[in-house]
Amino acid sequence: SDSLEYWILPEVDAVIVSGTALVNATLDMILERSKKARLIVLTGPTAQVLPQFLKDSEVTHLASMKVLNVEKALTKLKLGTFRGFERENKKYIIEVPKDG
């Protein structure tokens, strides 16, 4: 349950954060509570940010997707289906560069 995250985060070594945390302004709280974590992955369709924007944060990796065929992807979404949606995208995981 995400209601326990506040208490559990200080104890974990790895954290996987939905990109929605960028939208609902909870990313800072999650990162603040995750000081022990050596791996922090920001993931999902809403995690499509330039890694340079996170270089001063504790986020270590971004995992998201790039839309390859916008028209086909939009058609799938308009029809309310994710069946075949992945074929129109390329998933990626990249390391967030750190200064120094």
PDB file of N, CA and C in Angstrom:
ATOM      1  N   SER A   1       0.833  -1.187   0.000  1.00  0.00           N
ATOM      2  CA  SER A   1       0.000   0.000   0.000  1.00  0.00           C
ATOM      3  C   SER A   1       0.877   1.249   0.000  1.00  0.00           C
ATOM      4  N   ASP A   2       0.525   2.215  -0.832  1.00  0.00           N
ATOM      5  CA  ASP A   2       1.325   3.433  -0.865  1.00  0.00           C
ATOM      6  C   ASP A   2       1.161   4.267   0.394  1.00  0.00           C
ATOM      7  N   SER A   3       0.167   3.949   1.222  1.00  0.00           N
ATOM      8  CA  SER A   3       0.000   4.689   2.471  1.00  0.00           C
ATOM      9  C   SER A   3       1.111   4.371   3.465  1.00  0.00           C
ATOM     10  N   LEU A   4       1.823   3.267   3.252  1.00  0.00           N
ATOM     11  CA  LEU A   4       2.924   2.896   4.136  1.00  0.00           C
ATOM     12  C   LEU A   4       4.276   3.373   3.620  1.00  0.00           C
ATOM     13  N   GLU A   5       4.308   3.928   2.424  1.00  0.00           N
ATOM     14  CA  GLU A   5       5.592   4.296   1.830  1.00  0.00           C
ATOM     15  C   GLU A   5       6.379   5.269   2.696  1.00  0.00           C
ATOM     16  N   TYR A   6       5.701   6.167   3.358  1.00  0.00           N
ATOM     17  CA  TYR A   6       6.384   7.157   4.187  1.00  0.00           C
ATOM     18  C   TYR A   6       7.242   6.484   5.247  1.00  0.00           C
ATOM     19  N   TRP A   7       6.755   5.379   5.792  1.00  0.00           N
ATOM     20  CA  TRP A   7       7.462   4.680   6.867  1.00  0.00           C
ATOM     21  C   TRP A   7       8.464   3.657   6.336  1.00  0.00           C
ATOM     22  N   ILE A   8       8.210   3.092   5.180  1.00  0.00           N
ATOM     23  CA  ILE A   8       9.055   2.024   4.636  1.00  0.00           C
ATOM     24  C   ILE A   8      10.253   2.571   3.855  1.00  0.00           C
ATOM     25  N   LEU A   9      10.094   3.672   3.163  1.00  0.00           N
ATOM     26  CA  LEU A   9      11.143   4.191   2.284  1.00  0.00           C
ATOM     27  C   LEU A   9      12.514   4.360   2.950  1.00  0.00           C
ATOM     28  N   PRO A  10      12.600   4.814   4.190  1.00  0.00           N
ATOM     29  CA  PRO A  10      13.933   4.971   4.793  1.00  0.00           C
ATOM     30  C   PRO A  10      14.686   3.654   4.994  1.00  0.00           C
ATOM     31  N   GLU A  11      14.001   2.527   4.858  1.00  0.00           N
ATOM     32  CA  GLU A  11      14.616   1.222   5.113  1.00  0.00           C
ATOM     33  C   GLU A  11      15.030   0.458   3.861  1.00  0.00           C
ATOM     34  N   VAL A  12      14.629   0.920   2.685  1.00  0.00           N
ATOM     35  CA  VAL A  12      14.841   0.119   1.473  1.00  0.00           C
ATOM     36  C   VAL A  12      16.108   0.526   0.717  1.00  0.00           C
ATOM     37  N   ASP A  13      16.641  -0.438  -0.055  1.00  0.00           N
ATOM     38  CA  ASP A  13      17.850  -0.213  -0.848  1.00  0.00           C
ATOM     39  C   ASP A  13      17.552   0.192  -2.286  1.00  0.00           C
ATOM     40  N   ALA A  14      16.343  -0.099  -2.757  1.00  0.00           N
ATOM     41  CA  ALA A  14      15.952   0.229  -4.130  1.00  0.00           C
ATOM     42  C   ALA A  14      14.512   0.736  -4.132  1.00  0.00           C
ATOM     43  N   VAL A  15      14.265   1.748  -4.949  1.00  0.00           N
ATOM     44  CA  VAL A  15      12.936   2.354  -5.027  1.00  0.00           C
ATOM     45  C   VAL A  15      12.557   2.492  -6.499  1.00  0.00           C
ATOM     46  N   ILE A  16      11.355   2.060  -6.835  1.00  0.00           N
ATOM     47  CA  ILE A  16      10.810   2.255  -8.177  1.00  0.00           C
ATOM     48  C   ILE A  16       9.650   3.231  -8.033  1.00  0.00           C
ATOM     49  N   VAL A  17       9.773   4.382  -8.684  1.00  0.00           N
ATOM     50  CA  VAL A  17       8.814   5.473  -8.523  1.00  0.00           C
ATOM     51  C   VAL A  17       8.070   5.688  -9.836  1.00  0.00           C
ATOM     52  N   SER A  18       6.758   5.755  -9.774  1.00  0.00           N
ATOM     53  CA  SER A  18       5.969   6.082 -10.955  1.00  0.00           C
ATOM     54  C   SER A  18       6.252   7.520 -11.368  1.00  0.00           C
ATOM     55  N   GLY A  19       6.315   7.753 -12.670  1.00  0.00           N
ATOM     56  CA  GLY A  19       6.484   9.107 -13.173  1.00  0.00           C
ATOM     57  C   GLY A  19       5.366  10.031 -12.735  1.00  0.00           C
ATOM     58  N   THR A  20       4.259   9.469 -12.299  1.00  0.00           N
ATOM     59  CA  THR A  20       3.145  10.263 -11.790  1.00  0.00           C
ATOM     60  C   THR A  20       3.578  11.110 -10.602  1.00  0.00           C
ATOM     61  N   ALA A  21       4.631  10.688  -9.917  1.00  0.00           N
ATOM     62  CA  ALA A  21       5.141  11.470  -8.785  1.00  0.00           C
ATOM     63  C   ALA A  21       5.614  12.853  -9.237  1.00  0.00           C
ATOM     64  N   LEU A  22       5.976  12.988 -10.503  1.00  0.00           N
ATOM     65  CA  LEU A  22       6.311  14.310 -11.048  1.00  0.00           C
ATOM     66  C   LEU A  22       5.060  15.173 -11.162  1.00  0.00           C
ATOM     67  N   VAL A  23       3.969  14.539 -11.557  1.00  0.00           N
ATOM     68  CA  VAL A  23       2.718  15.248 -11.803  1.00  0.00           C
ATOM     69  C   VAL A  23       2.032  15.643 -10.501  1.00  0.00           C
ATOM     70  N   ASN A  24       2.027  14.732  -9.522  1.00  0.00           N
ATOM     71  CA  ASN A  24       1.298  15.020  -8.285  1.00  0.00           C
ATOM     72  C   ASN A  24       2.185  15.592  -7.176  1.00  0.00           C
ATOM     73  N   ALA A  25       3.397  15.990  -7.535  1.00  0.00           N
ATOM     74  CA  ALA A  25       4.317  16.690  -6.625  1.00  0.00           C
ATOM     75  C   ALA A  25       4.700  15.879  -5.388  1.00  0.00           C
ATOM     76  N   THR A  26       4.856  14.562  -5.547  1.00  0.00           N
ATOM     77  CA  THR A  26       5.300  13.739  -4.419  1.00  0.00           C
ATOM     78  C   THR A  26       6.732  13.238  -4.587  1.00  0.00           C
ATOM     79  N   LEU A  27       7.365  13.528  -5.720  1.00  0.00           N
ATOM     80  CA  LEU A  27       8.716  13.018  -5.963  1.00  0.00           C
ATOM     81  C   LEU A  27       9.704  13.510  -4.908  1.00  0.00           C
ATOM     82  N   ASP A  28       9.653  14.778  -4.551  1.00  0.00           N
ATOM     83  CA  ASP A  28      10.591  15.306  -3.556  1.00  0.00           C
ATOM     84  C   ASP A  28      10.468  14.580  -2.222  1.00  0.00           C
ATOM     85  N   MET A  29       9.237  14.324  -1.779  1.00  0.00           N
ATOM     86  CA  MET A  29       9.030  13.606  -0.520  1.00  0.00           C
ATOM     87  C   MET A  29       9.585  12.191  -0.612  1.00  0.00           C
ATOM     88  N   ILE A  30       9.335  11.525  -1.724  1.00  0.00           N
ATOM     89  CA  ILE A  30       9.816  10.151  -1.901  1.00  0.00           C
ATOM     90  C   ILE A  30      11.339  10.124  -1.879  1.00  0.00           C
ATOM     91  N   LEU A  31      11.969  11.045  -2.580  1.00  0.00           N
ATOM     92  CA  LEU A  31      13.429  11.090  -2.606  1.00  0.00           C
ATOM     93  C   LEU A  31      14.000  11.435  -1.235  1.00  0.00           C
ATOM     94  N   GLU A  32      13.370  12.351  -0.546  1.00  0.00           N
ATOM     95  CA  GLU A  32      13.830  12.731   0.795  1.00  0.00           C
ATOM     96  C   GLU A  32      13.788  11.545   1.750  1.00  0.00           C
ATOM     97  N   ARG A  33      12.773  10.716   1.620  1.00  0.00           N
ATOM     98  CA  ARG A  33      12.610   9.557   2.511  1.00  0.00           C
ATOM     99  C   ARG A  33      13.460   8.369   2.071  1.00  0.00           C
ATOM    100  N   SER A  34      14.050   8.419   0.888  1.00  0.00           N
ATOM    101  CA  SER A  34      14.770   7.266   0.323  1.00  0.00           C
ATOM    102  C   SER A  34      16.288   7.424   0.406  1.00  0.00           C
ATOM    103  N   LYS A  35      16.780   8.037   1.448  1.00  0.00           N
ATOM    104  CA  LYS A  35      18.216   8.338   1.560  1.00  0.00           C
ATOM    105  C   LYS A  35      19.103   7.098   1.548  1.00  0.00           C
ATOM    106  N   LYS A  36      18.604   5.965   2.015  1.00  0.00           N
ATOM    107  CA  LYS A  36      19.397   4.738   2.063  1.00  0.00           C
ATOM    108  C   LYS A  36      19.468   4.036   0.692  1.00  0.00           C
ATOM    109  N   ALA A  37      18.518   4.332  -0.171  1.00  0.00           N
ATOM    110  CA  ALA A  37      18.413   3.632  -1.461  1.00  0.00           C
ATOM    111  C   ALA A  37      19.598   3.941  -2.364  1.00  0.00           C
ATOM    112  N   ARG A  38      20.173   2.890  -2.932  1.00  0.00           N
ATOM    113  CA  ARG A  38      21.277   3.041  -3.883  1.00  0.00           C
ATOM    114  C   ARG A  38      20.757   3.082  -5.327  1.00  0.00           C
ATOM    115  N   LEU A  39      19.551   2.577  -5.531  1.00  0.00           N
ATOM    116  CA  LEU A  39      18.935   2.538  -6.856  1.00  0.00           C
ATOM    117  C   LEU A  39      17.557   3.172  -6.758  1.00  0.00           C
ATOM    118  N   ILE A  40      17.339   4.241  -7.521  1.00  0.00           N
ATOM    119  CA  ILE A  40      16.027   4.889  -7.570  1.00  0.00           C
ATOM    120  C   ILE A  40      15.671   5.060  -9.040  1.00  0.00           C
ATOM    121  N   VAL A  41      14.630   4.348  -9.468  1.00  0.00           N
ATOM    122  CA  VAL A  41      14.208   4.351 -10.870  1.00  0.00           C
ATOM    123  C   VAL A  41      12.888   5.103 -10.988  1.00  0.00           C
ATOM    124  N   LEU A  42      12.855   6.109 -11.843  1.00  0.00           N
ATOM    125  CA  LEU A  42      11.632   6.824 -12.176  1.00  0.00           C
ATOM    126  C   LEU A  42      11.106   6.194 -13.455  1.00  0.00           C
ATOM    127  N   THR A  43       9.881   5.676 -13.426  1.00  0.00           N
ATOM    128  CA  THR A  43       9.408   4.850 -14.533  1.00  0.00           C
ATOM    129  C   THR A  43       7.984   5.186 -14.965  1.00  0.00           C
ATOM    130  N   GLY A  44       7.667   4.776 -16.178  1.00  0.00           N
ATOM    131  CA  GLY A  44       6.317   4.917 -16.715  1.00  0.00           C
ATOM    132  C   GLY A  44       6.243   5.974 -17.800  1.00  0.00           C
ATOM    133  N   PRO A  45       5.103   6.053 -18.472  1.00  0.00           N
ATOM    134  CA  PRO A  45       4.932   7.016 -19.557  1.00  0.00           C
ATOM    135  C   PRO A  45       5.129   8.467 -19.112  1.00  0.00           C
ATOM    136  N   THR A  46       4.802   8.773 -17.862  1.00  0.00           N
ATOM    137  CA  THR A  46       4.965  10.146 -17.376  1.00  0.00           C
ATOM    138  C   THR A  46       6.382  10.431 -16.897  1.00  0.00           C
ATOM    139  N   ALA A  47       7.288   9.483 -17.062  1.00  0.00           N
ATOM    140  CA  ALA A  47       8.693   9.687 -16.673  1.00  0.00           C
ATOM    141  C   ALA A  47       9.543  10.134 -17.855  1.00  0.00           C
ATOM    142  N   GLN A  48       8.919  10.621 -18.901  1.00  0.00           N
ATOM    143  CA  GLN A  48       9.653  11.055 -20.095  1.00  0.00           C
ATOM    144  C   GLN A  48      10.189  12.466 -19.887  1.00  0.00           C
ATOM    145  N   VAL A  49      11.305  12.544 -19.181  1.00  0.00           N
ATOM    146  CA  VAL A  49      11.966  13.823 -18.954  1.00  0.00           C
ATOM    147  C   VAL A  49      13.422  13.701 -19.402  1.00  0.00           C
ATOM    148  N   LEU A  50      14.032  14.813 -19.697  1.00  0.00           N
ATOM    149  CA  LEU A  50      15.454  14.794 -20.023  1.00  0.00           C
ATOM    150  C   LEU A  50      16.231  14.433 -18.761  1.00  0.00           C
ATOM    151  N   PRO A  51      17.119  13.471 -18.846  1.00  0.00           N
ATOM    152  CA  PRO A  51      17.853  13.043 -17.654  1.00  0.00           C
ATOM    153  C   PRO A  51      18.646  14.175 -17.004  1.00  0.00           C
ATOM    154  N   GLN A  52      19.047  15.168 -17.780  1.00  0.00           N
ATOM    155  CA  GLN A  52      19.804  16.288 -17.232  1.00  0.00           C
ATOM    156  C   GLN A  52      19.013  17.056 -16.171  1.00  0.00           C
ATOM    157  N   PHE A  53      17.687  17.033 -16.272  1.00  0.00           N
ATOM    158  CA  PHE A  53      16.861  17.720 -15.284  1.00  0.00           C
ATOM    159  C   PHE A  53      16.930  17.045 -13.919  1.00  0.00           C
ATOM    160  N   LEU A  54      17.361  15.792 -13.891  1.00  0.00           N
ATOM    161  CA  LEU A  54      17.415  15.033 -12.639  1.00  0.00           C
ATOM    162  C   LEU A  54      18.840  14.821 -12.139  1.00  0.00           C
ATOM    163  N   LYS A  55      19.814  15.441 -12.786  1.00  0.00           N
ATOM    164  CA  LYS A  55      21.222  15.180 -12.449  1.00  0.00           C
ATOM    165  C   LYS A  55      21.568  15.540 -11.009  1.00  0.00           C
ATOM    166  N   ASP A  56      20.879  16.497 -10.419  1.00  0.00           N
ATOM    167  CA  ASP A  56      21.157  16.890  -9.037  1.00  0.00           C
ATOM    168  C   ASP A  56      20.245  16.185  -8.037  1.00  0.00           C
ATOM    169  N   SER A  57      19.450  15.251  -8.512  1.00  0.00           N
ATOM    170  CA  SER A  57      18.540  14.505  -7.634  1.00  0.00           C
ATOM    171  C   SER A  57      19.133  13.135  -7.316  1.00  0.00           C
ATOM    172  N   GLU A  58      18.439  12.390  -6.490  1.00  0.00           N
ATOM    173  CA  GLU A  58      18.867  11.040  -6.137  1.00  0.00           C
ATOM    174  C   GLU A  58      18.418   9.995  -7.151  1.00  0.00           C
ATOM    175  N   VAL A  59      17.624  10.390  -8.153  1.00  0.00           N
ATOM    176  CA  VAL A  59      17.161   9.443  -9.174  1.00  0.00           C
ATOM    177  C   VAL A  59      18.375   8.924  -9.940  1.00  0.00           C
ATOM    178  N   THR A  60      18.495   7.592 -10.043  1.00  0.00           N
ATOM    179  CA  THR A  60      19.648   6.990 -10.720  1.00  0.00           C
ATOM    180  C   THR A  60      19.339   6.555 -12.148  1.00  0.00           C
ATOM    181  N   HIS A  61      18.066   6.209 -12.428  1.00  0.00           N
ATOM    182  CA  HIS A  61      17.693   5.710 -13.759  1.00  0.00           C
ATOM    183  C   HIS A  61      16.302   6.206 -14.156  1.00  0.00           C
ATOM    184  N   LEU A  62      16.100   6.345 -15.452  1.00  0.00           N
ATOM    185  CA  LEU A  62      14.786   6.615 -16.035  1.00  0.00           C
ATOM    186  C   LEU A  62      14.393   5.410 -16.873  1.00  0.00           C
ATOM    187  N   ALA A  63      13.154   4.984 -16.741  1.00  0.00           N
ATOM    188  CA  ALA A  63      12.629   3.869 -17.539  1.00  0.00           C
ATOM    189  C   ALA A  63      11.286   4.314 -18.104  1.00  0.00           C
ATOM    190  N   SER A  64      11.214   4.434 -19.406  1.00  0.00           N
ATOM    191  CA  SER A  64       9.979   4.908 -20.016  1.00  0.00           C
ATOM    192  C   SER A  64       9.854   4.322 -21.414  1.00  0.00           C
ATOM    193  N   MET A  65       9.184   5.037 -22.305  1.00  0.00           N
ATOM    194  CA  MET A  65       9.020   4.561 -23.670  1.00  0.00           C
ATOM    195  C   MET A  65       8.972   5.737 -24.627  1.00  0.00           C
ATOM    196  N   LYS A  66       9.410   5.476 -25.843  1.00  0.00           N
ATOM    197  CA  LYS A  66       9.341   6.465 -26.910  1.00  0.00           C
ATOM    198  C   LYS A  66       8.305   5.985 -27.911  1.00  0.00           C
ATOM    199  N   VAL A  67       7.379   6.855 -28.256  1.00  0.00           N
ATOM    200  CA  VAL A  67       6.356   6.504 -29.242  1.00  0.00           C
ATOM    201  C   VAL A  67       6.998   6.514 -30.623  1.00  0.00           C
ATOM    202  N   LEU A  68       6.902   5.392 -31.325  1.00  0.00           N
ATOM    203  CA  LEU A  68       7.489   5.262 -32.659  1.00  0.00           C
ATOM    204  C   LEU A  68       6.510   5.646 -33.761  1.00  0.00           C
ATOM    205  N   ASN A  69       5.245   5.317 -33.557  1.00  0.00           N
ATOM    206  CA  ASN A  69       4.221   5.618 -34.547  1.00  0.00           C
ATOM    207  C   ASN A  69       3.080   6.327 -33.828  1.00  0.00           C
ATOM    208  N   VAL A  70       3.115   7.643 -33.847  1.00  0.00           N
ATOM    209  CA  VAL A  70       2.159   8.449 -33.089  1.00  0.00           C
ATOM    210  C   VAL A  70       0.725   8.172 -33.522  1.00  0.00           C
ATOM    211  N   GLU A  71       0.474   8.123 -34.814  1.00  0.00           N
ATOM    212  CA  GLU A  71      -0.892   7.914 -35.308  1.00  0.00           C
ATOM    213  C   GLU A  71      -1.475   6.590 -34.821  1.00  0.00           C
ATOM    214  N   LYS A  72      -0.718   5.519 -34.946  1.00  0.00           N
ATOM    215  CA  LYS A  72      -1.204   4.208 -34.501  1.00  0.00           C
ATOM    216  C   LYS A  72      -1.384   4.176 -32.983  1.00  0.00           C
ATOM    217  N   ALA A  73      -0.456   4.783 -32.261  1.00  0.00           N
ATOM    218  CA  ALA A  73      -0.563   4.807 -30.802  1.00  0.00           C
ATOM    219  C   ALA A  73      -1.801   5.589 -30.371  1.00  0.00           C
ATOM    220  N   LEU A  74      -2.056   6.733 -31.004  1.00  0.00           N
ATOM    221  CA  LEU A  74      -3.239   7.528 -30.674  1.00  0.00           C
ATOM    222  C   LEU A  74      -4.524   6.778 -30.995  1.00  0.00           C
ATOM    223  N   THR A  75      -4.536   6.074 -32.106  1.00  0.00           N
ATOM    224  CA  THR A  75      -5.718   5.283 -32.464  1.00  0.00           C
ATOM    225  C   THR A  75      -6.009   4.246 -31.391  1.00  0.00           C
ATOM    226  N   LYS A  76      -4.978   3.554 -30.919  1.00  0.00           N
ATOM    227  CA  LYS A  76      -5.161   2.545 -29.864  1.00  0.00           C
ATOM    228  C   LYS A  76      -5.722   3.197 -28.607  1.00  0.00           C
ATOM    229  N   LEU A  77      -5.168   4.348 -28.230  1.00  0.00           N
ATOM    230  CA  LEU A  77      -5.638   5.035 -27.028  1.00  0.00           C
ATOM    231  C   LEU A  77      -7.074   5.526 -27.189  1.00  0.00           C
ATOM    232  N   LYS A  78      -7.404   6.066 -28.360  1.00  0.00           N
ATOM    233  CA  LYS A  78      -8.765   6.544 -28.608  1.00  0.00           C
ATOM    234  C   LYS A  78      -9.771   5.406 -28.547  1.00  0.00           C
ATOM    235  N   LEU A  79      -9.336   4.220 -28.949  1.00  0.00           N
ATOM    236  CA  LEU A  79     -10.214   3.048 -28.899  1.00  0.00           C
ATOM    237  C   LEU A  79     -10.278   2.451 -27.492  1.00  0.00           C
ATOM    238  N   GLY A  80      -9.469   3.001 -26.596  1.00  0.00           N
ATOM    239  CA  GLY A  80      -9.487   2.527 -25.212  1.00  0.00           C
ATOM    240  C   GLY A  80      -8.800   1.192 -25.015  1.00  0.00           C
ATOM    241  N   THR A  81      -7.844   0.869 -25.853  1.00  0.00           N
ATOM    242  CA  THR A  81      -7.167  -0.420 -25.731  1.00  0.00           C
ATOM    243  C   THR A  81      -5.660  -0.234 -25.660  1.00  0.00           C
ATOM    244  N   PHE A  82      -5.038  -1.102 -24.898  1.00  0.00           N
ATOM    245  CA  PHE A  82      -3.580  -1.134 -24.861  1.00  0.00           C
ATOM    246  C   PHE A  82      -3.063  -2.342 -25.635  1.00  0.00           C
ATOM    247  N   ARG A  83      -3.990  -3.160 -26.156  1.00  0.00           N
ATOM    248  CA  ARG A  83      -3.590  -4.320 -26.957  1.00  0.00           C
ATOM    249  C   ARG A  83      -2.845  -3.831 -28.197  1.00  0.00           C
ATOM    250  N   GLY A  84      -1.627  -4.252 -28.323  1.00  0.00           N
ATOM    251  CA  GLY A  84      -0.818  -3.832 -29.449  1.00  0.00           C
ATOM    252  C   GLY A  84      -0.157  -2.469 -29.276  1.00  0.00           C
ATOM    253  N   PHE A  85      -0.475  -1.785 -28.190  1.00  0.00           N
ATOM    254  CA  PHE A  85       0.088  -0.452 -27.960  1.00  0.00           C
ATOM    255  C   PHE A  85       1.614  -0.496 -27.875  1.00  0.00           C
ATOM    256  N   GLU A  86       2.134  -1.549 -27.252  1.00  0.00           N
ATOM    257  CA  GLU A  86       3.584  -1.657 -27.080  1.00  0.00           C
ATOM    258  C   GLU A  86       4.320  -1.754 -28.411  1.00  0.00           C
ATOM    259  N   ARG A  87       3.654  -2.268 -29.428  1.00  0.00           N
ATOM    260  CA  ARG A  87       4.302  -2.365 -30.742  1.00  0.00           C
ATOM    261  C   ARG A  87       4.592  -0.994 -31.337  1.00  0.00           C
ATOM    262  N   GLU A  88       3.885   0.008 -30.888  1.00  0.00           N
ATOM    263  CA  GLU A  88       4.060   1.368 -31.406  1.00  0.00           C
ATOM    264  C   GLU A  88       5.057   2.169 -30.563  1.00  0.00           C
ATOM    265  N   ASN A  89       5.704   1.510 -29.601  1.00  0.00           N
ATOM    266  CA  ASN A  89       6.623   2.178 -28.683  1.00  0.00           C
ATOM    267  C   ASN A  89       7.915   1.393 -28.533  1.00  0.00           C
ATOM    268  N   LYS A  90       8.942   2.077 -28.087  1.00  0.00           N
ATOM    269  CA  LYS A  90      10.203   1.423 -27.754  1.00  0.00           C
ATOM    270  C   LYS A  90      10.518   1.759 -26.298  1.00  0.00           C
ATOM    271  N   LYS A  91      10.633   0.721 -25.482  1.00  0.00           N
ATOM    272  CA  LYS A  91      10.957   0.920 -24.072  1.00  0.00           C
ATOM    273  C   LYS A  91      12.447   1.189 -23.922  1.00  0.00           C
ATOM    274  N   TYR A  92      12.780   1.983 -22.916  1.00  0.00           N
ATOM    275  CA  TYR A  92      14.189   2.255 -22.652  1.00  0.00           C
ATOM    276  C   TYR A  92      14.443   2.436 -21.158  1.00  0.00           C
ATOM    277  N   ILE A  93      15.665   2.164 -20.770  1.00  0.00           N
ATOM    278  CA  ILE A  93      16.153   2.433 -19.416  1.00  0.00           C
ATOM    279  C   ILE A  93      17.493   3.131 -19.588  1.00  0.00           C
ATOM    280  N   ILE A  94      17.613   4.298 -18.985  1.00  0.00           N
ATOM    281  CA  ILE A  94      18.874   5.031 -19.083  1.00  0.00           C
ATOM    282  C   ILE A  94      19.330   5.480 -17.699  1.00  0.00           C
ATOM    283  N   GLU A  95      20.623   5.588 -17.555  1.00  0.00           N
ATOM    284  CA  GLU A  95      21.198   6.073 -16.311  1.00  0.00           C
ATOM    285  C   GLU A  95      21.162   7.604 -16.318  1.00  0.00           C
ATOM    286  N   VAL A  96      20.824   8.176 -15.172  1.00  0.00           N
ATOM    287  CA  VAL A  96      20.816   9.632 -15.044  1.00  0.00           C
ATOM    288  C   VAL A  96      22.252  10.093 -14.794  1.00  0.00           C
ATOM    289  N   PRO A  97      22.782  10.941 -15.674  1.00  0.00           N
ATOM    290  CA  PRO A  97      24.173  11.385 -15.496  1.00  0.00           C
ATOM    291  C   PRO A  97      24.309  12.281 -14.267  1.00  0.00           C
ATOM    292  N   LYS A  98      25.403  12.112 -13.565  1.00  0.00           N
ATOM    293  CA  LYS A  98      25.685  12.931 -12.379  1.00  0.00           C
ATOM    294  C   LYS A  98      26.942  13.742 -12.644  1.00  0.00           C
ATOM    295  N   ASP A  99      26.976  14.945 -12.151  1.00  0.00           N
ATOM    296  CA  ASP A  99      28.187  15.772 -12.280  1.00  0.00           C
ATOM    297  C   ASP A  99      29.256  15.240 -11.344  1.00  0.00           C
ATOM    298  N   GLY A 100      30.472  15.320 -11.798  1.00  0.00           N
ATOM    299  CA  GLY A 100      31.576  14.973 -10.907  1.00  0.00           C
ATOM    300  C   GLY A 100      32.232  13.740 -11.207  1.00  0.00           C
TER     301      GLY A 100
END
